[in-house]
Amino acid sequence: MSAHCQVTGRKPGFGKSVSHSHVRTNRRWDPNIQRKTYYLPSAGRRITLRVSAKGIKIIDRDGIEAVVARLRARGIEV
């Protein structure tokens, strides 16, 4: 599964790891992706989203109904 947030769109960042001897190797920074289940009252069912920690805070702030409406407007199947 890809490390991709459905709410914020956050993806892994790529860069280099630099050792003490200054040897550079590739590495990636993955977002903190969690699988969360929310109850959607308008549909009368539960939905499971793959969201980052920031995405969870956005859902807490705006509400699940508003976030799902934004996802559907972007064309994401929920």
N, C-alpha and C. Protein backbone atom coordinates (compact mmCIF):
# COMPACT_ATOMS: atom_id res chain seq x y z
N MET A 1 0.84 -1.18 0.00
CA MET A 1 0.00 0.00 0.00
C MET A 1 0.88 1.24 0.00
N SER A 2 0.43 2.25 -0.70
CA SER A 2 1.22 3.47 -0.76
C SER A 2 0.98 4.30 0.49
N ALA A 3 1.99 5.03 0.89
CA ALA A 3 1.88 5.93 2.04
C ALA A 3 1.33 7.25 1.53
N HIS A 4 -0.01 7.30 1.38
CA HIS A 4 -0.67 8.45 0.79
C HIS A 4 -1.92 8.76 1.59
N CYS A 5 -2.08 10.02 2.02
CA CYS A 5 -3.24 10.43 2.82
C CYS A 5 -4.38 10.81 1.89
N GLN A 6 -5.57 10.28 2.15
CA GLN A 6 -6.73 10.57 1.33
C GLN A 6 -7.27 11.98 1.57
N VAL A 7 -7.04 12.54 2.75
CA VAL A 7 -7.58 13.86 3.08
C VAL A 7 -6.64 14.98 2.64
N THR A 8 -5.38 14.90 3.03
CA THR A 8 -4.44 15.99 2.75
C THR A 8 -3.62 15.75 1.50
N GLY A 9 -3.52 14.51 1.03
CA GLY A 9 -2.72 14.21 -0.13
C GLY A 9 -1.23 14.08 0.16
N ARG A 10 -0.87 14.01 1.42
CA ARG A 10 0.54 13.89 1.79
C ARG A 10 1.13 12.59 1.28
N LYS A 11 2.35 12.69 0.74
CA LYS A 11 3.08 11.54 0.19
C LYS A 11 4.46 11.51 0.81
N PRO A 12 5.20 10.43 0.61
CA PRO A 12 6.56 10.37 1.14
C PRO A 12 7.45 11.46 0.54
N GLY A 13 8.38 11.95 1.36
CA GLY A 13 9.39 12.87 0.88
C GLY A 13 10.68 12.09 0.67
N PHE A 14 11.45 12.47 -0.33
CA PHE A 14 12.68 11.75 -0.65
C PHE A 14 13.88 12.64 -0.45
N GLY A 15 15.02 12.03 -0.10
CA GLY A 15 16.24 12.79 0.09
C GLY A 15 17.41 11.87 0.31
N LYS A 16 18.42 12.38 0.95
CA LYS A 16 19.65 11.63 1.20
C LYS A 16 19.90 11.55 2.70
N SER A 17 20.44 10.40 3.10
CA SER A 17 20.93 10.21 4.46
C SER A 17 22.44 10.41 4.39
N VAL A 18 22.99 11.25 5.27
CA VAL A 18 24.42 11.55 5.23
C VAL A 18 25.07 10.96 6.46
N SER A 19 26.03 10.04 6.26
CA SER A 19 26.71 9.38 7.37
C SER A 19 27.83 10.27 7.92
N HIS A 20 28.46 9.80 8.97
CA HIS A 20 29.57 10.53 9.58
C HIS A 20 30.71 10.74 8.57
N SER A 21 30.93 9.74 7.70
CA SER A 21 31.98 9.85 6.69
C SER A 21 31.49 10.60 5.44
N HIS A 22 30.29 11.14 5.51
CA HIS A 22 29.68 11.96 4.45
C HIS A 22 29.30 11.14 3.22
N VAL A 23 29.09 9.83 3.40
CA VAL A 23 28.57 8.98 2.33
C VAL A 23 27.06 9.21 2.27
N ARG A 24 26.57 9.49 1.08
CA ARG A 24 25.14 9.79 0.93
C ARG A 24 24.41 8.58 0.37
N THR A 25 23.32 8.20 1.03
CA THR A 25 22.47 7.11 0.56
C THR A 25 21.03 7.62 0.50
N ASN A 26 20.25 7.01 -0.38
CA ASN A 26 18.86 7.43 -0.55
C ASN A 26 18.02 7.01 0.64
N ARG A 27 17.04 7.85 0.97
CA ARG A 27 16.09 7.50 2.03
C ARG A 27 14.77 8.19 1.75
N ARG A 28 13.75 7.82 2.48
CA ARG A 28 12.46 8.49 2.33
C ARG A 28 11.82 8.72 3.68
N TRP A 29 11.07 9.80 3.78
CA TRP A 29 10.32 10.15 4.98
C TRP A 29 8.86 9.85 4.71
N ASP A 30 8.32 8.84 5.39
CA ASP A 30 6.92 8.48 5.20
C ASP A 30 6.03 9.30 6.12
N PRO A 31 4.85 9.73 5.62
CA PRO A 31 3.90 10.41 6.51
C PRO A 31 3.31 9.41 7.49
N ASN A 32 2.80 9.92 8.59
CA ASN A 32 2.22 9.08 9.64
C ASN A 32 0.81 8.67 9.22
N ILE A 33 0.71 7.61 8.42
CA ILE A 33 -0.57 7.16 7.87
C ILE A 33 -1.24 6.17 8.84
N GLN A 34 -2.51 6.44 9.13
CA GLN A 34 -3.30 5.58 10.01
C GLN A 34 -4.55 5.14 9.25
N ARG A 35 -5.04 3.95 9.56
CA ARG A 35 -6.32 3.48 9.01
C ARG A 35 -7.38 3.77 10.07
N LYS A 36 -8.30 4.69 9.75
CA LYS A 36 -9.33 5.11 10.71
C LYS A 36 -10.71 4.82 10.15
N THR A 37 -11.62 4.37 11.01
CA THR A 37 -12.99 4.12 10.64
C THR A 37 -13.87 5.20 11.26
N TYR A 38 -14.69 5.83 10.44
CA TYR A 38 -15.60 6.88 10.89
C TYR A 38 -17.02 6.48 10.55
N TYR A 39 -17.98 6.92 11.38
CA TYR A 39 -19.38 6.70 11.09
C TYR A 39 -19.89 7.90 10.30
N LEU A 40 -20.51 7.65 9.17
CA LEU A 40 -21.04 8.69 8.30
C LEU A 40 -22.56 8.71 8.45
N PRO A 41 -23.10 9.65 9.26
CA PRO A 41 -24.55 9.65 9.54
C PRO A 41 -25.42 9.81 8.29
N SER A 42 -24.99 10.60 7.32
CA SER A 42 -25.82 10.83 6.14
C SER A 42 -26.00 9.55 5.33
N ALA A 43 -24.99 8.68 5.31
CA ALA A 43 -25.09 7.42 4.58
C ALA A 43 -25.55 6.28 5.49
N GLY A 44 -25.51 6.49 6.80
CA GLY A 44 -25.92 5.45 7.74
C GLY A 44 -24.97 4.27 7.79
N ARG A 45 -23.69 4.49 7.50
CA ARG A 45 -22.72 3.40 7.49
C ARG A 45 -21.36 3.91 7.93
N ARG A 46 -20.44 2.96 8.09
CA ARG A 46 -19.06 3.31 8.46
C ARG A 46 -18.21 3.38 7.20
N ILE A 47 -17.21 4.27 7.24
CA ILE A 47 -16.24 4.34 6.14
C ILE A 47 -14.84 4.24 6.74
N THR A 48 -13.94 3.62 6.01
CA THR A 48 -12.56 3.48 6.44
C THR A 48 -11.69 4.35 5.54
N LEU A 49 -10.91 5.21 6.16
CA LEU A 49 -10.03 6.11 5.43
C LEU A 49 -8.58 5.87 5.83
N ARG A 50 -7.67 6.09 4.88
CA ARG A 50 -6.23 6.08 5.17
C ARG A 50 -5.81 7.54 5.29
N VAL A 51 -5.61 8.00 6.52
CA VAL A 51 -5.34 9.41 6.76
C VAL A 51 -4.07 9.59 7.57
N SER A 52 -3.43 10.74 7.37
CA SER A 52 -2.26 11.10 8.16
C SER A 52 -2.73 11.70 9.48
N ALA A 53 -1.80 11.92 10.39
CA ALA A 53 -2.13 12.53 11.68
C ALA A 53 -2.72 13.92 11.45
N LYS A 54 -2.20 14.67 10.48
CA LYS A 54 -2.75 15.98 10.13
C LYS A 54 -4.16 15.83 9.59
N GLY A 55 -4.42 14.79 8.79
CA GLY A 55 -5.76 14.55 8.26
C GLY A 55 -6.77 14.25 9.35
N ILE A 56 -6.34 13.54 10.40
CA ILE A 56 -7.22 13.26 11.54
C ILE A 56 -7.60 14.57 12.24
N LYS A 57 -6.64 15.47 12.38
CA LYS A 57 -6.92 16.77 13.00
C LYS A 57 -7.89 17.60 12.15
N ILE A 58 -7.76 17.52 10.83
CA ILE A 58 -8.67 18.24 9.95
C ILE A 58 -10.08 17.68 10.07
N ILE A 59 -10.21 16.35 10.16
CA ILE A 59 -11.53 15.73 10.33
C ILE A 59 -12.14 16.14 11.67
N ASP A 60 -11.31 16.19 12.72
CA ASP A 60 -11.81 16.62 14.03
C ASP A 60 -12.27 18.07 14.00
N ARG A 61 -11.57 18.91 13.24
CA ARG A 61 -11.89 20.34 13.18
C ARG A 61 -13.13 20.61 12.34
N ASP A 62 -13.18 20.03 11.12
CA ASP A 62 -14.24 20.36 10.17
C ASP A 62 -15.44 19.41 10.22
N GLY A 63 -15.24 18.19 10.71
CA GLY A 63 -16.30 17.20 10.74
C GLY A 63 -16.19 16.26 9.56
N ILE A 64 -16.63 15.03 9.77
CA ILE A 64 -16.48 14.00 8.75
C ILE A 64 -17.36 14.27 7.53
N GLU A 65 -18.53 14.87 7.73
CA GLU A 65 -19.43 15.15 6.60
C GLU A 65 -18.79 16.15 5.63
N ALA A 66 -18.18 17.20 6.15
CA ALA A 66 -17.55 18.21 5.30
C ALA A 66 -16.35 17.64 4.56
N VAL A 67 -15.57 16.81 5.24
CA VAL A 67 -14.38 16.22 4.63
C VAL A 67 -14.78 15.24 3.53
N VAL A 68 -15.80 14.43 3.77
CA VAL A 68 -16.27 13.48 2.75
C VAL A 68 -16.83 14.23 1.55
N ALA A 69 -17.52 15.35 1.78
CA ALA A 69 -18.04 16.15 0.67
C ALA A 69 -16.89 16.67 -0.19
N ARG A 70 -15.79 17.10 0.45
CA ARG A 70 -14.62 17.58 -0.30
C ARG A 70 -13.97 16.44 -1.09
N LEU A 71 -13.89 15.24 -0.46
CA LEU A 71 -13.32 14.10 -1.16
C LEU A 71 -14.14 13.73 -2.40
N ARG A 72 -15.45 13.73 -2.25
CA ARG A 72 -16.31 13.40 -3.38
C ARG A 72 -16.23 14.45 -4.47
N ALA A 73 -16.05 15.71 -4.10
CA ALA A 73 -15.90 16.78 -5.09
C ALA A 73 -14.61 16.61 -5.88
N ARG A 74 -13.58 16.03 -5.25
CA ARG A 74 -12.32 15.77 -5.93
C ARG A 74 -12.37 14.50 -6.76
N GLY A 75 -13.47 13.75 -6.64
CA GLY A 75 -13.63 12.54 -7.44
C GLY A 75 -13.14 11.27 -6.76
N ILE A 76 -12.91 11.32 -5.45
CA ILE A 76 -12.44 10.15 -4.72
C ILE A 76 -13.67 9.36 -4.24
N GLU A 77 -13.70 8.07 -4.51
CA GLU A 77 -14.81 7.20 -4.11
C GLU A 77 -14.72 6.92 -2.62
N VAL A 78 -15.79 7.24 -1.89
CA VAL A 78 -15.83 6.98 -0.44
C VAL A 78 -17.05 6.15 -0.13
